[in-house]
Amino acid sequence: MCKVRSRLGINIVGFKYQRKGVIVIGIHTFFMSLNDLERIIRCPGRFKFEEHNVAAHSWKVSQYAMFFATIEEQNGAEINWKSLYEKTINHDFAEVFIGDIKTPVKHASPELKQMLAHVEEKMMEKFITEEIPQDFQAIFFDRMKEGKDATIEGKLLEFADKLDQFYESFAELKRGNTDKEFVHMYQTALSKLIQIDLPNSVHYFRDTILQDAIAEETQINIAALTVEVLNGPAV
């Protein structure tokens, strides 16, 4: 392992540094791990006209959540903006440990979903304990916990996460990708979106955004796929 003595009298040892014989964990490892999120491809193993990575997904989810939180706030809701941004930016960081697991696999059974959540939680706990400076560990434990909860911020995270799934699949279908995985992804995301307990956001999405989307010229009849969801049982 490489050791370097700095002008400040600190021995740099890998990602940690040593001062007066005490090993101090640095934030460097966490910052480096953010690069790994850029290399994790969403929906792996399928042909796609455009690849999407987890880092970009997290940024888009934050943008979607910010817009729909504004709608909710304009309709009288009180938004904890700090909580919202922390939830959305960090919601998929644990995928740096296990990668992106396809939604149908993740939700194949309640037992499997719970098991994967437990693995993510334990690996995140280990990462924070070993790599995050002690002064910040309690903050990281709070910020990196599961964000989809009963709060309005948790519901907005769920809505924004599903909206990115909607848009990723919409873009593939629009270009003529005939992989049935994207038909299923599109209809599942749409079905979940219109059932989330955010009436104002759902109303704006359904009556404005969705209408603009299905009015676009597409290679696959997305309007028909949409009607199947809106007029039929939940997918």
Protein backbone atom coordinates (compact mmCIF):
# COMPACT_ATOMS: atom_id res chain seq x y z
CA MET A 1 0.00 0.00 0.00
CA CYS A 2 1.37 3.39 -0.97
CA LYS A 3 2.46 5.76 1.82
CA VAL A 4 3.14 9.44 1.22
CA ARG A 5 4.14 12.00 3.85
CA SER A 6 2.58 15.38 3.15
CA ARG A 7 3.92 18.81 4.00
CA LEU A 8 1.40 18.89 6.88
CA GLY A 9 3.05 15.93 8.55
CA ILE A 10 0.24 13.53 7.63
CA ASN A 11 0.95 9.99 6.41
CA ILE A 12 -1.43 9.19 3.57
CA VAL A 13 -2.27 5.47 3.56
CA GLY A 14 -4.55 4.42 0.70
CA PHE A 15 -7.91 6.16 1.25
CA LYS A 16 -7.13 6.80 4.92
CA TYR A 17 -4.62 9.09 6.56
CA GLN A 18 -2.64 8.90 9.76
CA ARG A 19 -1.94 11.74 12.16
CA LYS A 20 0.04 11.18 15.37
CA GLY A 21 -0.36 7.42 15.12
CA VAL A 22 -4.17 7.51 14.74
CA ILE A 23 -5.81 6.21 11.55
CA VAL A 24 -8.50 8.65 10.39
CA ILE A 25 -11.02 7.64 7.74
CA GLY A 26 -11.49 10.21 4.98
CA ILE A 27 -14.48 11.14 2.82
CA HIS A 28 -12.37 10.47 -0.29
CA THR A 29 -13.71 6.93 -0.73
CA PHE A 30 -17.29 8.17 -0.77
CA PHE A 31 -16.51 10.81 -3.38
CA MET A 32 -14.68 8.23 -5.51
CA SER A 33 -17.67 5.87 -5.29
CA LEU A 34 -19.83 8.48 -7.03
CA ASN A 35 -17.87 7.72 -10.20
CA ASP A 36 -18.97 4.09 -9.89
CA LEU A 37 -22.63 5.15 -10.12
CA GLU A 38 -21.89 6.53 -13.59
CA ARG A 39 -20.76 3.08 -14.70
CA ILE A 40 -23.84 1.20 -13.46
CA ILE A 41 -26.23 0.85 -16.41
CA ARG A 42 -29.96 0.72 -15.79
CA CYS A 43 -32.01 -2.14 -17.23
CA PRO A 44 -28.91 -4.19 -18.12
CA GLY A 45 -28.91 -6.93 -20.71
CA ARG A 46 -31.53 -5.41 -23.02
CA PHE A 47 -31.06 -3.67 -26.36
CA LYS A 48 -31.54 0.06 -25.91
CA PHE A 49 -31.20 2.98 -28.26
CA GLU A 50 -29.90 5.01 -25.35
CA GLU A 51 -28.16 3.80 -22.19
CA HIS A 52 -28.91 5.38 -18.81
CA ASN A 53 -26.75 5.18 -15.72
CA VAL A 54 -27.66 5.35 -12.04
CA ALA A 55 -25.97 8.71 -11.43
CA ALA A 56 -27.97 10.39 -14.21
CA HIS A 57 -31.13 8.66 -12.98
CA SER A 58 -30.68 10.12 -9.49
CA TRP A 59 -30.26 13.61 -10.91
CA LYS A 60 -33.38 13.30 -13.07
CA VAL A 61 -35.40 11.96 -10.15
CA SER A 62 -34.37 15.03 -8.16
CA GLN A 63 -35.57 17.30 -10.97
CA TYR A 64 -38.91 15.52 -11.31
CA ALA A 65 -39.45 15.60 -7.56
CA MET A 66 -38.63 19.28 -7.38
CA PHE A 67 -41.27 20.09 -10.03
CA PHE A 68 -44.04 18.00 -8.51
CA ALA A 69 -43.20 19.19 -5.00
CA THR A 70 -43.77 22.70 -6.34
CA ILE A 71 -47.21 21.63 -7.58
CA GLU A 72 -48.04 20.11 -4.20
CA GLU A 73 -46.79 23.22 -2.40
CA GLN A 74 -48.90 25.47 -4.64
CA ASN A 75 -51.89 23.41 -3.57
CA GLY A 76 -51.27 23.89 0.14
CA ALA A 77 -48.84 21.10 1.06
CA GLU A 78 -45.88 21.81 3.32
CA ILE A 79 -42.68 20.47 1.77
CA ASN A 80 -39.49 19.73 3.68
CA TRP A 81 -37.20 20.64 0.79
CA LYS A 82 -34.01 19.54 2.56
CA SER A 83 -35.49 16.10 3.19
CA LEU A 84 -36.78 15.88 -0.39
CA TYR A 85 -33.41 16.61 -1.96
CA GLU A 86 -31.58 14.26 0.39
CA LYS A 87 -34.03 11.44 -0.37
CA THR A 88 -33.94 11.86 -4.14
CA ILE A 89 -30.21 12.38 -4.59
CA ASN A 90 -29.26 9.43 -2.38
CA HIS A 91 -32.08 6.96 -3.07
CA ASP A 92 -30.08 4.59 -5.29
CA PHE A 93 -26.59 5.01 -3.86
CA ALA A 94 -26.69 1.44 -2.48
CA GLU A 95 -26.65 0.18 -6.08
CA VAL A 96 -22.92 0.91 -6.01
CA PHE A 97 -22.73 -2.35 -4.01
CA ILE A 98 -25.23 -4.62 -5.81
CA GLY A 99 -25.81 -2.96 -9.18
CA ASP A 100 -29.16 -2.22 -10.82
CA ILE A 101 -31.55 -5.12 -10.39
CA LYS A 102 -34.46 -5.19 -12.82
CA THR A 103 -37.78 -4.18 -11.30
CA PRO A 104 -39.59 -7.45 -12.22
CA VAL A 105 -36.83 -9.42 -10.48
CA LYS A 106 -36.75 -7.15 -7.44
CA HIS A 107 -40.53 -7.45 -7.03
CA ALA A 108 -40.82 -11.13 -7.97
CA SER A 109 -41.76 -11.93 -4.38
CA PRO A 110 -42.09 -9.99 -1.11
CA GLU A 111 -39.42 -12.26 0.39
CA LEU A 112 -36.89 -11.46 -2.34
CA LYS A 113 -37.60 -7.73 -2.17
CA GLN A 114 -37.13 -7.78 1.61
CA MET A 115 -33.94 -9.82 1.29
CA LEU A 116 -32.42 -7.40 -1.23
CA ALA A 117 -33.38 -4.44 0.94
CA HIS A 118 -31.68 -6.12 3.90
CA VAL A 119 -28.49 -6.73 1.88
CA GLU A 120 -28.41 -3.10 0.72
CA GLU A 121 -28.98 -1.87 4.27
CA LYS A 122 -26.18 -4.00 5.73
CA MET A 123 -23.69 -3.11 3.00
CA MET A 124 -24.51 0.58 3.39
CA GLU A 125 -24.08 0.26 7.16
CA LYS A 126 -20.67 -1.37 6.65
CA PHE A 127 -19.61 1.29 4.15
CA ILE A 128 -20.58 4.18 6.42
CA THR A 129 -18.92 2.61 9.46
CA GLU A 130 -15.67 1.87 7.63
CA GLU A 131 -15.37 4.75 5.16
CA ILE A 132 -17.19 7.80 6.52
CA PRO A 133 -15.49 9.93 9.19
CA GLN A 134 -17.06 9.33 12.60
CA ASP A 135 -18.16 12.96 12.93
CA PHE A 136 -20.45 12.49 9.91
CA GLN A 137 -21.64 8.91 10.36
CA ALA A 138 -24.93 9.70 12.11
CA ILE A 139 -25.77 12.19 9.35
CA PHE A 140 -25.00 9.63 6.63
CA PHE A 141 -27.03 6.91 8.36
CA ASP A 142 -30.01 9.27 8.29
CA ARG A 143 -29.51 10.43 4.71
CA MET A 144 -28.87 6.99 3.23
CA LYS A 145 -31.81 5.16 4.80
CA GLU A 146 -34.78 4.04 2.67
CA GLY A 147 -36.44 7.22 1.43
CA LYS A 148 -39.78 5.89 0.18
CA ASP A 149 -42.01 6.30 3.19
CA ALA A 150 -45.40 7.72 4.19
CA THR A 151 -44.21 11.34 4.23
CA ILE A 152 -45.06 13.57 1.30
CA GLU A 153 -41.35 13.69 0.48
CA GLY A 154 -41.25 9.89 0.42
CA LYS A 155 -44.28 9.78 -1.88
CA LEU A 156 -42.69 12.35 -4.17
CA LEU A 157 -39.57 10.18 -4.36
CA GLU A 158 -41.71 7.19 -5.34
CA PHE A 159 -43.53 9.28 -7.95
CA ALA A 160 -40.32 10.71 -9.42
CA ASP A 161 -38.62 7.30 -9.50
CA LYS A 162 -41.53 5.79 -11.42
CA LEU A 163 -41.65 8.83 -13.72
CA ASP A 164 -38.07 8.20 -14.84
CA GLN A 165 -38.98 4.59 -15.57
CA PHE A 166 -41.90 5.95 -17.61
CA TYR A 167 -39.65 8.28 -19.59
CA GLU A 168 -36.86 5.77 -20.19
CA SER A 169 -39.32 3.23 -21.60
CA PHE A 170 -41.26 5.91 -23.49
CA ALA A 171 -38.07 7.00 -25.29
CA GLU A 172 -37.33 3.42 -26.38
CA LEU A 173 -40.87 2.78 -27.64
CA LYS A 174 -40.93 6.11 -29.44
CA ARG A 175 -37.86 5.08 -31.45
CA GLY A 176 -39.37 1.71 -32.30
CA ASN A 177 -37.70 -0.63 -29.81
CA THR A 178 -39.91 -3.71 -30.01
CA ASP A 179 -38.49 -5.40 -26.91
CA LYS A 180 -41.54 -6.39 -24.84
CA GLU A 181 -39.60 -5.50 -21.70
CA PHE A 182 -40.11 -1.81 -22.49
CA VAL A 183 -43.82 -2.26 -23.17
CA HIS A 184 -44.14 -3.89 -19.76
CA MET A 185 -41.94 -1.23 -18.15
CA TYR A 186 -43.98 1.59 -19.69
CA GLN A 187 -47.36 0.20 -18.69
CA THR A 188 -46.21 -0.79 -15.21
CA ALA A 189 -44.72 2.65 -14.54
CA LEU A 190 -47.85 4.36 -15.82
CA SER A 191 -50.11 2.16 -13.72
CA LYS A 192 -48.05 2.83 -10.58
CA LEU A 193 -47.88 6.59 -11.23
CA ILE A 194 -51.62 7.14 -11.41
CA GLN A 195 -52.15 5.20 -8.16
CA ILE A 196 -49.70 7.12 -5.96
CA ASP A 197 -51.37 9.12 -3.21
CA LEU A 198 -50.46 12.55 -4.59
CA PRO A 199 -53.74 13.73 -6.19
CA ASN A 200 -52.42 17.07 -7.42
CA SER A 201 -49.31 15.57 -8.99
CA VAL A 202 -51.24 12.69 -10.53
CA HIS A 203 -53.82 15.11 -11.93
CA TYR A 204 -51.13 17.27 -13.57
CA PHE A 205 -49.29 14.25 -14.93
CA ARG A 206 -52.41 12.57 -16.30
CA ASP A 207 -54.11 15.64 -17.77
CA THR A 208 -51.10 17.57 -19.04
CA ILE A 209 -47.84 15.63 -19.33
CA LEU A 210 -49.35 12.34 -20.44
CA GLN A 211 -51.46 14.07 -23.09
CA ASP A 212 -48.37 15.80 -24.49
CA ALA A 213 -46.51 12.48 -24.53
CA ILE A 214 -49.10 10.44 -26.40
CA ALA A 215 -49.58 13.28 -28.90
CA GLU A 216 -46.00 12.79 -30.10
CA GLU A 217 -45.28 10.92 -33.32
CA THR A 218 -43.95 7.49 -32.33
CA GLN A 219 -42.81 4.31 -34.07
CA ILE A 220 -44.92 2.18 -31.72
CA ASN A 221 -48.52 3.05 -30.87
CA ILE A 222 -47.89 4.38 -27.38
CA ALA A 223 -51.34 5.96 -27.26
CA ALA A 224 -52.93 2.51 -27.51
CA LEU A 225 -50.66 1.13 -24.78
CA THR A 226 -51.64 4.08 -22.60
CA VAL A 227 -55.36 3.58 -23.13
CA GLU A 228 -54.99 -0.09 -22.12
CA VAL A 229 -53.71 1.06 -18.73
CA LEU A 230 -56.12 3.94 -18.20
CA ASN A 231 -59.18 1.92 -19.17
CA GLY A 232 -58.21 -1.47 -17.82
CA PRO A 233 -57.20 -3.08 -14.54
CA ALA A 234 -53.91 -2.03 -12.92
CA VAL A 235 -50.87 -3.70 -14.45
